[in-house]
Amino acid sequence: MSDSSINKLEIVGTIKEGVDIGVKNIGPILVNVLLWALTCWIPYLNVGTTIGLAVGIVSKASKGETIPFTEIFDPKYRKYMGEFFLTAGLVGVGTAIGMAFFILPGIIIGIAWSLSLLLAIDKGKNPSEAISLSNKCTYGNKGRMFGIYFLVFLAFAILSAIFTRIPVIGFLLMFLAAIFVNFVSIGIQASIYKQLAGNA
């Protein structure tokens, strides 16, 4: 793959789009997260809801589609149980082995394969195809992806440090900031997926 054919992520633009996506879908995401938390103890159902939360919401947000408030209960997600577990298992094992080689290889593998679950469920790829395609889609962008997530983490860390110094309402503000960062993270993941794998 030549450098000229690589779709380069724009760090600030991706963060901005991620914030926009997260804020736009704050209601549906919040309701789906609450519903997942209330039902995550129910066997079999919890597999579909977890797939819906981790993959379905992100894929719909990446396409600008409306996210239903009960998206995680869509029975279609339970059809992908095997693909989800196998892909997640392969990614987890590969990342863990990379971590054993002084952490950095694990971080690189984790970023390279970070789109695998989305590609397996949303694009219907088998686990090995999803991992290979994720590696191809993220090629040339791993440093940018790391930078994007690092900047979001750094902003949250700075806000947390400020909020903890505010009497009475400081911890409430920190809690709200943590919730907001989750929305932004989903939005950023959707933005990255759209830019790097939208046409995969």
Protein backbone atom coordinates (compact mmCIF):
# COMPACT_ATOMS: atom_id res chain seq x y z
CA MET A 1 0.00 0.00 0.00
CA SER A 2 1.54 3.32 -1.06
CA ASP A 3 1.53 6.34 1.22
CA SER A 4 -0.51 8.28 -1.34
CA SER A 5 -3.39 5.80 -1.05
CA ILE A 6 -3.59 6.03 2.74
CA ASN A 7 -6.58 7.92 4.12
CA LYS A 8 -5.01 10.09 6.83
CA LEU A 9 -7.04 10.97 9.90
CA GLU A 10 -7.14 14.63 10.83
CA ILE A 11 -6.66 14.66 14.61
CA VAL A 12 -8.53 17.85 15.56
CA GLY A 13 -11.24 17.25 12.96
CA THR A 14 -11.81 13.70 14.17
CA ILE A 15 -12.12 14.82 17.78
CA LYS A 16 -14.54 17.58 16.77
CA GLU A 17 -16.66 15.17 14.73
CA GLY A 18 -16.55 12.67 17.59
CA VAL A 19 -17.86 15.29 20.01
CA ASP A 20 -20.60 16.25 17.53
CA ILE A 21 -21.66 12.60 17.07
CA GLY A 22 -21.60 11.95 20.81
CA VAL A 23 -23.64 15.05 21.66
CA LYS A 24 -26.13 14.44 18.84
CA ASN A 25 -26.82 10.91 20.10
CA ILE A 26 -26.51 11.55 23.82
CA GLY A 27 -30.13 10.56 24.55
CA PRO A 28 -30.22 7.21 22.70
CA ILE A 29 -26.72 6.27 23.90
CA LEU A 30 -27.58 7.04 27.53
CA VAL A 31 -30.84 5.07 27.41
CA ASN A 32 -29.18 2.09 25.71
CA VAL A 33 -26.35 2.08 28.27
CA LEU A 34 -28.87 2.17 31.14
CA LEU A 35 -30.91 -0.64 29.57
CA TRP A 36 -27.75 -2.70 29.10
CA ALA A 37 -26.80 -2.16 32.77
CA LEU A 38 -30.26 -3.28 33.89
CA THR A 39 -30.29 -6.45 31.75
CA CYS A 40 -26.61 -7.49 31.57
CA TRP A 41 -27.27 -10.29 34.08
CA ILE A 42 -29.76 -12.11 31.81
CA PRO A 43 -28.04 -15.05 30.06
CA TYR A 44 -28.11 -15.14 26.25
CA LEU A 45 -29.94 -11.80 26.03
CA ASN A 46 -26.86 -10.10 27.44
CA VAL A 47 -24.72 -11.29 24.51
CA GLY A 48 -26.96 -9.56 21.97
CA THR A 49 -27.23 -6.39 24.05
CA THR A 50 -23.46 -6.26 24.50
CA ILE A 51 -22.93 -6.61 20.74
CA GLY A 52 -25.57 -3.95 20.13
CA LEU A 53 -23.90 -1.57 22.57
CA ALA A 54 -20.29 -2.19 21.48
CA VAL A 55 -20.88 -2.48 17.74
CA GLY A 56 -24.42 -1.63 16.66
CA ILE A 57 -24.58 1.85 18.14
CA VAL A 58 -21.13 2.79 16.82
CA SER A 59 -21.86 1.51 13.30
CA LYS A 60 -25.19 3.37 13.13
CA ALA A 61 -23.62 6.56 14.47
CA SER A 62 -20.85 6.31 11.86
CA LYS A 63 -23.46 6.32 9.09
CA GLY A 64 -25.48 9.16 10.57
CA GLU A 65 -28.46 6.83 11.12
CA THR A 66 -30.99 7.38 13.87
CA ILE A 67 -30.21 5.21 16.91
CA PRO A 68 -33.36 3.74 18.47
CA PHE A 69 -33.61 3.96 22.26
CA THR A 70 -33.90 0.15 22.35
CA GLU A 71 -31.25 -0.58 19.71
CA ILE A 72 -29.40 -3.09 21.91
CA PHE A 73 -32.44 -5.39 21.97
CA ASP A 74 -32.51 -5.86 18.20
CA PRO A 75 -32.46 -9.69 17.82
CA LYS A 76 -30.15 -9.46 14.78
CA TYR A 77 -27.17 -8.95 17.08
CA ARG A 78 -27.60 -12.38 18.68
CA LYS A 79 -27.01 -13.96 15.25
CA TYR A 80 -23.41 -12.78 15.41
CA MET A 81 -22.61 -14.35 18.79
CA GLY A 82 -20.00 -16.75 17.38
CA GLU A 83 -18.30 -14.12 15.21
CA PHE A 84 -18.24 -11.66 18.11
CA PHE A 85 -16.68 -14.07 20.60
CA LEU A 86 -14.16 -15.49 18.12
CA THR A 87 -13.06 -12.07 16.86
CA ALA A 88 -12.85 -10.64 20.39
CA GLY A 89 -10.92 -13.72 21.52
CA LEU A 90 -8.38 -13.49 18.72
CA VAL A 91 -7.91 -9.76 19.26
CA GLY A 92 -7.59 -10.24 23.02
CA VAL A 93 -5.02 -13.04 22.72
CA GLY A 94 -3.00 -11.20 20.08
CA THR A 95 -2.97 -8.00 22.13
CA ALA A 96 -2.03 -9.88 25.31
CA ILE A 97 0.90 -11.58 23.57
CA GLY A 98 2.00 -8.18 22.25
CA MET A 99 1.81 -6.74 25.77
CA ALA A 100 4.15 -9.49 26.98
CA PHE A 101 6.81 -8.05 24.66
CA PHE A 102 7.24 -4.91 26.76
CA ILE A 103 3.78 -3.39 26.26
CA LEU A 104 4.36 -1.26 23.13
CA PRO A 105 3.69 -4.08 20.61
CA GLY A 106 0.43 -4.82 22.44
CA ILE A 107 -0.67 -1.19 22.15
CA ILE A 108 0.15 -1.17 18.43
CA ILE A 109 -1.71 -4.45 17.83
CA GLY A 110 -4.68 -3.21 19.87
CA ILE A 111 -4.94 -0.09 17.72
CA ALA A 112 -4.35 -2.00 14.47
CA TRP A 113 -7.14 -4.45 15.27
CA SER A 114 -9.50 -1.95 16.93
CA LEU A 115 -11.97 -1.99 14.02
CA SER A 116 -12.19 -5.80 13.88
CA LEU A 117 -15.46 -6.22 15.78
CA LEU A 118 -17.15 -3.52 13.73
CA LEU A 119 -15.97 -5.09 10.49
CA ALA A 120 -17.04 -8.58 11.59
CA ILE A 121 -20.55 -7.54 12.61
CA ASP A 122 -21.31 -4.52 10.42
CA LYS A 123 -19.58 -5.69 7.24
CA GLY A 124 -20.16 -9.42 7.73
CA LYS A 125 -16.47 -10.37 7.56
CA ASN A 126 -15.26 -13.60 9.13
CA PRO A 127 -12.94 -13.07 12.15
CA SER A 128 -9.65 -13.51 10.27
CA GLU A 129 -10.84 -11.24 7.42
CA ALA A 130 -12.03 -8.62 9.93
CA ILE A 131 -8.67 -8.58 11.73
CA SER A 132 -6.71 -8.42 8.48
CA LEU A 133 -8.94 -5.66 7.08
CA SER A 134 -8.75 -3.67 10.32
CA ASN A 135 -4.96 -3.82 10.13
CA LYS A 136 -5.14 -2.60 6.52
CA CYS A 137 -7.62 0.20 7.31
CA THR A 138 -5.58 1.53 10.24
CA TYR A 139 -2.27 1.35 8.37
CA GLY A 140 -0.53 4.72 8.53
CA ASN A 141 -2.96 6.01 11.16
CA LYS A 142 -2.03 4.16 14.35
CA GLY A 143 -0.03 7.09 15.72
CA ARG A 144 -2.86 9.48 14.89
CA MET A 145 -5.42 7.20 16.55
CA PHE A 146 -3.25 6.95 19.65
CA GLY A 147 -2.89 10.75 19.65
CA ILE A 148 -6.64 11.26 19.37
CA TYR A 149 -7.45 9.01 22.33
CA PHE A 150 -4.51 10.37 24.33
CA LEU A 151 -5.70 13.96 23.90
CA VAL A 152 -9.21 13.02 25.03
CA PHE A 153 -7.77 11.21 28.07
CA LEU A 154 -5.49 14.16 28.84
CA ALA A 155 -8.40 16.63 28.65
CA PHE A 156 -10.42 14.45 31.04
CA ALA A 157 -7.45 14.13 33.42
CA ILE A 158 -6.99 17.92 33.50
CA LEU A 159 -10.71 18.51 34.08
CA SER A 160 -10.74 15.88 36.84
CA ALA A 161 -7.79 17.56 38.55
CA ILE A 162 -9.60 20.90 38.41
CA PHE A 163 -12.95 19.53 39.55
CA THR A 164 -11.49 17.70 42.56
CA ARG A 165 -10.39 21.09 43.92
CA ILE A 166 -13.92 22.47 43.84
CA PRO A 167 -15.72 21.98 47.15
CA VAL A 168 -19.08 20.21 47.38
CA ILE A 169 -19.92 19.86 43.66
CA GLY A 170 -16.44 18.88 42.44
CA PHE A 171 -17.06 15.13 42.44
CA LEU A 172 -20.43 15.58 40.76
CA LEU A 173 -18.77 17.58 38.00
CA MET A 174 -16.09 14.91 37.65
CA PHE A 175 -18.77 12.21 37.37
CA LEU A 176 -20.59 14.19 34.67
CA ALA A 177 -17.30 14.72 32.83
CA ALA A 178 -16.65 10.95 32.91
CA ILE A 179 -20.08 10.28 31.39
CA PHE A 180 -19.49 12.91 28.72
CA VAL A 181 -16.11 11.38 27.83
CA ASN A 182 -17.87 8.05 27.22
CA PHE A 183 -20.22 9.72 24.72
CA VAL A 184 -17.26 11.41 23.03
CA SER A 185 -15.33 8.12 22.88
CA ILE A 186 -18.24 6.43 21.11
CA GLY A 187 -18.46 9.40 18.73
CA ILE A 188 -14.73 9.29 18.01
CA GLN A 189 -14.85 5.55 17.37
CA ALA A 190 -17.74 6.13 14.95
CA SER A 191 -15.82 8.92 13.20
CA ILE A 192 -12.66 6.81 12.83
CA TYR A 193 -14.67 3.84 11.55
CA LYS A 194 -16.46 6.03 9.00
CA GLN A 195 -13.23 7.57 7.75
CA LEU A 196 -11.07 4.45 7.60
CA ALA A 197 -13.53 1.64 6.92
CA GLY A 198 -16.66 3.28 5.54
CA ASN A 199 -15.96 1.90 2.08
CA ALA A 200 -14.29 -1.33 3.18
